[in-house]
C-alpha atoms as a PDB file:
ATOM      1  CA  UNK A   1      -8.331  11.682   4.426  1.00  0.00           C
ATOM      2  CA  UNK A   2      -7.287   8.776   2.213  1.00  0.00           C
ATOM      3  CA  UNK A   3      -9.614   7.744  -0.614  1.00  0.00           C
ATOM      4  CA  UNK A   4      -9.585   4.231  -1.985  1.00  0.00           C
ATOM      5  CA  UNK A   5     -11.249   2.963  -5.120  1.00  0.00           C
ATOM      6  CA  UNK A   6     -11.512  -0.760  -5.933  1.00  0.00           C
ATOM      7  CA  UNK A   7     -12.151  -2.247  -9.343  1.00  0.00           C
ATOM      8  CA  UNK A   8     -11.913  -5.540 -11.118  1.00  0.00           C
ATOM      9  CA  UNK A   9     -14.685  -7.580  -9.529  1.00  0.00           C
ATOM     10  CA  UNK A  10     -17.144  -9.657 -11.532  1.00  0.00           C
ATOM     11  CA  UNK A  11     -18.524 -13.060 -12.311  1.00  0.00           C
ATOM     12  CA  UNK A  12     -16.119 -15.928 -12.863  1.00  0.00           C
ATOM     13  CA  UNK A  13     -16.386 -19.666 -13.143  1.00  0.00           C
ATOM     14  CA  UNK A  14     -14.833 -21.971 -10.525  1.00  0.00           C
ATOM     15  CA  UNK A  15     -11.143 -22.421 -11.223  1.00  0.00           C
ATOM     16  CA  UNK A  16     -10.953 -19.065 -12.938  1.00  0.00           C
ATOM     17  CA  UNK A  17      -8.955 -15.933 -12.097  1.00  0.00           C
ATOM     18  CA  UNK A  18      -9.611 -12.247 -11.347  1.00  0.00           C
ATOM     19  CA  UNK A  19      -7.392  -9.363 -10.486  1.00  0.00           C
ATOM     20  CA  UNK A  20      -8.684  -6.651  -8.145  1.00  0.00           C
ATOM     21  CA  UNK A  21      -7.170  -3.248  -8.082  1.00  0.00           C
ATOM     22  CA  UNK A  22      -7.287  -0.554  -5.367  1.00  0.00           C
ATOM     23  CA  UNK A  23      -6.163   2.962  -6.265  1.00  0.00           C
ATOM     24  CA  UNK A  24      -5.125   5.087  -3.309  1.00  0.00           C
ATOM     25  CA  UNK A  25      -5.006   8.850  -2.975  1.00  0.00           C
ATOM     26  CA  UNK A  26      -2.194   8.566  -0.406  1.00  0.00           C
ATOM     27  CA  UNK A  27       1.191   9.933  -1.332  1.00  0.00           C
ATOM     28  CA  UNK A  28       3.841   8.810   1.128  1.00  0.00           C
ATOM     29  CA  UNK A  29       6.757   6.478   1.335  1.00  0.00           C
ATOM     30  CA  UNK A  30       6.059   5.299   4.894  1.00  0.00           C
ATOM     31  CA  UNK A  31       5.468   1.712   5.874  1.00  0.00           C
ATOM     32  CA  UNK A  32       1.681   1.773   6.274  1.00  0.00           C
ATOM     33  CA  UNK A  33      -0.445  -1.248   5.597  1.00  0.00           C
ATOM     34  CA  UNK A  34      -2.823  -1.899   2.749  1.00  0.00           C
ATOM     35  CA  UNK A  35      -5.200  -4.788   3.022  1.00  0.00           C
ATOM     36  CA  UNK A  36      -7.961  -6.710   1.384  1.00  0.00           C
ATOM     37  CA  UNK A  37     -10.932  -8.005   3.314  1.00  0.00           C
ATOM     38  CA  UNK A  38     -14.086  -9.768   2.144  1.00  0.00           C
ATOM     39  CA  UNK A  39     -17.631 -10.192   3.412  1.00  0.00           C
ATOM     40  CA  UNK A  40     -19.876 -12.977   2.225  1.00  0.00           C
ATOM     41  CA  UNK A  41     -23.650 -12.832   2.644  1.00  0.00           C
ATOM     42  CA  UNK A  42     -24.604 -13.480   6.273  1.00  0.00           C
ATOM     43  CA  UNK A  43     -20.997 -13.488   7.445  1.00  0.00           C
ATOM     44  CA  UNK A  44     -18.697 -11.024   9.116  1.00  0.00           C
ATOM     45  CA  UNK A  45     -16.055  -9.268   7.155  1.00  0.00           C
ATOM     46  CA  UNK A  46     -12.814 -11.282   7.136  1.00  0.00           C
ATOM     47  CA  UNK A  47      -9.144 -10.699   6.420  1.00  0.00           C
ATOM     48  CA  UNK A  48      -7.815 -11.825   3.042  1.00  0.00           C
ATOM     49  CA  UNK A  49      -4.337 -10.351   2.569  1.00  0.00           C
ATOM     50  CA  UNK A  50      -2.188  -7.330   3.398  1.00  0.00           C
ATOM     51  CA  UNK A  51       1.031  -5.660   2.329  1.00  0.00           C
ATOM     52  CA  UNK A  52       3.347  -3.077   3.792  1.00  0.00           C
ATOM     53  CA  UNK A  53       3.639  -0.235   1.374  1.00  0.00           C
ATOM     54  CA  UNK A  54       7.346   0.543   1.746  1.00  0.00           C
ATOM     55  CA  UNK A  55       8.824  -2.876   2.659  1.00  0.00           C
ATOM     56  CA  UNK A  56       6.566  -4.941   0.425  1.00  0.00           C
ATOM     57  CA  UNK A  57       6.212  -7.724   2.928  1.00  0.00           C
ATOM     58  CA  UNK A  58       2.947  -9.557   2.817  1.00  0.00           C
ATOM     59  CA  UNK A  59       0.477 -11.619   4.937  1.00  0.00           C
ATOM     60  CA  UNK A  60      -2.501 -13.648   3.914  1.00  0.00           C
ATOM     61  CA  UNK A  61      -5.237 -15.785   5.341  1.00  0.00           C
ATOM     62  CA  UNK A  62      -4.758 -19.572   5.335  1.00  0.00           C
ATOM     63  CA  UNK A  63      -7.849 -19.973   3.180  1.00  0.00           C
ATOM     64  CA  UNK A  64      -6.254 -18.127   0.280  1.00  0.00           C
ATOM     65  CA  UNK A  65      -2.606 -19.036   0.621  1.00  0.00           C
ATOM     66  CA  UNK A  66      -1.227 -20.410  -2.611  1.00  0.00           C
ATOM     67  CA  UNK A  67      -4.175 -19.051  -4.619  1.00  0.00           C
ATOM     68  CA  UNK A  68      -4.269 -15.263  -3.961  1.00  0.00           C
ATOM     69  CA  UNK A  69      -1.312 -12.843  -4.182  1.00  0.00           C
ATOM     70  CA  UNK A  70      -1.217  -9.245  -3.011  1.00  0.00           C
ATOM     71  CA  UNK A  71       1.126  -6.801  -4.580  1.00  0.00           C
ATOM     72  CA  UNK A  72       1.605  -3.062  -5.019  1.00  0.00           C
ATOM     73  CA  UNK A  73       2.780  -0.634  -7.649  1.00  0.00           C
ATOM     74  CA  UNK A  74       4.258   2.400  -5.875  1.00  0.00           C
ATOM     75  CA  UNK A  75       4.396   4.442  -9.027  1.00  0.00           C
ATOM     76  CA  UNK A  76       0.699   4.001  -9.562  1.00  0.00           C
ATOM     77  CA  UNK A  77      -0.291   4.122  -5.833  1.00  0.00           C
ATOM     78  CA  UNK A  78      -2.216   0.907  -6.463  1.00  0.00           C
ATOM     79  CA  UNK A  79      -2.561  -2.361  -4.621  1.00  0.00           C
ATOM     80  CA  UNK A  80      -3.629  -5.539  -6.454  1.00  0.00           C
ATOM     81  CA  UNK A  81      -5.130  -8.824  -5.419  1.00  0.00           C
ATOM     82  CA  UNK A  82      -4.493 -11.583  -7.932  1.00  0.00           C
ATOM     83  CA  UNK A  83      -6.999 -14.393  -7.274  1.00  0.00           C
ATOM     84  CA  UNK A  84      -6.412 -17.712  -8.982  1.00  0.00           C
ATOM     85  CA  UNK A  85      -8.160 -21.094  -8.662  1.00  0.00           C
ATOM     86  CA  UNK A  86     -11.279 -19.335  -7.496  1.00  0.00           C
ATOM     87  CA  UNK A  87     -13.891 -21.320  -5.579  1.00  0.00           C
ATOM     88  CA  UNK A  88     -17.615 -20.671  -4.952  1.00  0.00           C
ATOM     89  CA  UNK A  89     -16.719 -19.958  -1.320  1.00  0.00           C
ATOM     90  CA  UNK A  90     -14.619 -17.038  -2.429  1.00  0.00           C
ATOM     91  CA  UNK A  91     -17.884 -15.224  -3.402  1.00  0.00           C
ATOM     92  CA  UNK A  92     -18.063 -12.018  -1.439  1.00  0.00           C
ATOM     93  CA  UNK A  93     -17.768  -8.247  -1.554  1.00  0.00           C
ATOM     94  CA  UNK A  94     -14.092  -7.429  -1.429  1.00  0.00           C
ATOM     95  CA  UNK A  95     -12.890  -4.286   0.334  1.00  0.00           C
ATOM     96  CA  UNK A  96      -9.616  -2.517   0.118  1.00  0.00           C
ATOM     97  CA  UNK A  97      -8.359  -0.791   3.305  1.00  0.00           C
ATOM     98  CA  UNK A  98      -5.455   1.346   4.489  1.00  0.00           C
ATOM     99  CA  UNK A  99      -4.004   1.850   7.981  1.00  0.00           C
ATOM    100  CA  UNK A 100      -3.388   5.098   9.755  1.00  0.00           C
ATOM    101  CA  UNK A 101      -0.266   3.717  11.388  1.00  0.00           C
ATOM    102  CA  UNK A 102       2.942   3.975   9.372  1.00  0.00           C
ATOM    103  CA  UNK A 103       5.508   1.978  11.388  1.00  0.00           C
ATOM    104  CA  UNK A 104       4.378  -1.591  11.067  1.00  0.00           C
ATOM    105  CA  UNK A 105       6.942  -4.427  10.952  1.00  0.00           C
ATOM    106  CA  UNK A 106       4.377  -6.927   9.636  1.00  0.00           C
ATOM    107  CA  UNK A 107       1.192  -6.336   7.664  1.00  0.00           C
ATOM    108  CA  UNK A 108      -1.712  -6.200  10.089  1.00  0.00           C
ATOM    109  CA  UNK A 109      -4.605  -8.645   9.734  1.00  0.00           C
ATOM    110  CA  UNK A 110      -6.952  -6.999  12.219  1.00  0.00           C
ATOM    111  CA  UNK A 111      -9.627  -4.723  10.898  1.00  0.00           C
ATOM    112  CA  UNK A 112      -9.029  -2.446  13.866  1.00  0.00           C
ATOM    113  CA  UNK A 113      -5.746  -1.314  12.312  1.00  0.00           C
ATOM    114  CA  UNK A 114      -7.501   0.036   9.197  1.00  0.00           C
ATOM    115  CA  UNK A 115      -9.148   3.432   9.236  1.00  0.00           C
ATOM    116  CA  UNK A 116      -9.738   3.924   5.521  1.00  0.00           C
ATOM    117  CA  UNK A 117     -12.016   1.710   3.424  1.00  0.00           C
ATOM    118  CA  UNK A 118     -13.084   1.513  -0.152  1.00  0.00           C
ATOM    119  CA  UNK A 119     -16.691   0.987  -1.265  1.00  0.00           C
ATOM    120  CA  UNK A 120     -16.184  -2.685  -2.109  1.00  0.00           C
ATOM    121  CA  UNK A 121     -16.365  -4.690  -5.278  1.00  0.00           C
ATOM    122  CA  UNK A 122     -18.451  -7.842  -5.822  1.00  0.00           C
ATOM    123  CA  UNK A 123     -16.775 -11.095  -6.734  1.00  0.00           C
ATOM    124  CA  UNK A 124     -19.083 -13.982  -7.706  1.00  0.00           C
ATOM    125  CA  UNK A 125     -17.682 -17.452  -8.389  1.00  0.00           C
ATOM    126  CA  UNK A 126     -20.321 -19.617 -10.006  1.00  0.00           C
ATOM    127  CA  UNK A 127     -20.828 -21.901 -12.986  1.00  0.00           C
END
């Protein structure tokens, strides 16, 4: 069982920045995926960004390209989501997730690939 713990959410003004962190209990050097998803009120959970743990390759949704950056620190077993130029429409609960598969060539964007989920952290963008 993999445990994930998100932190770093909060209230920020439009145009501001936040960095989310996701600490993982997983200890492996395989190429599994770590992803960020978000769910706004009344909407379904949606893909934000993902990274392959070993290779470091990334994938992100068009809506956040150029504004959000996913990265990982293998020494700390932590994945980050740096969010810049935040907009009110970025308001959501952000979830960290990890795949069970370990042989991905590209970071998966489908929620079906992710078996482990964190509890979520609220991000509110408002003036």
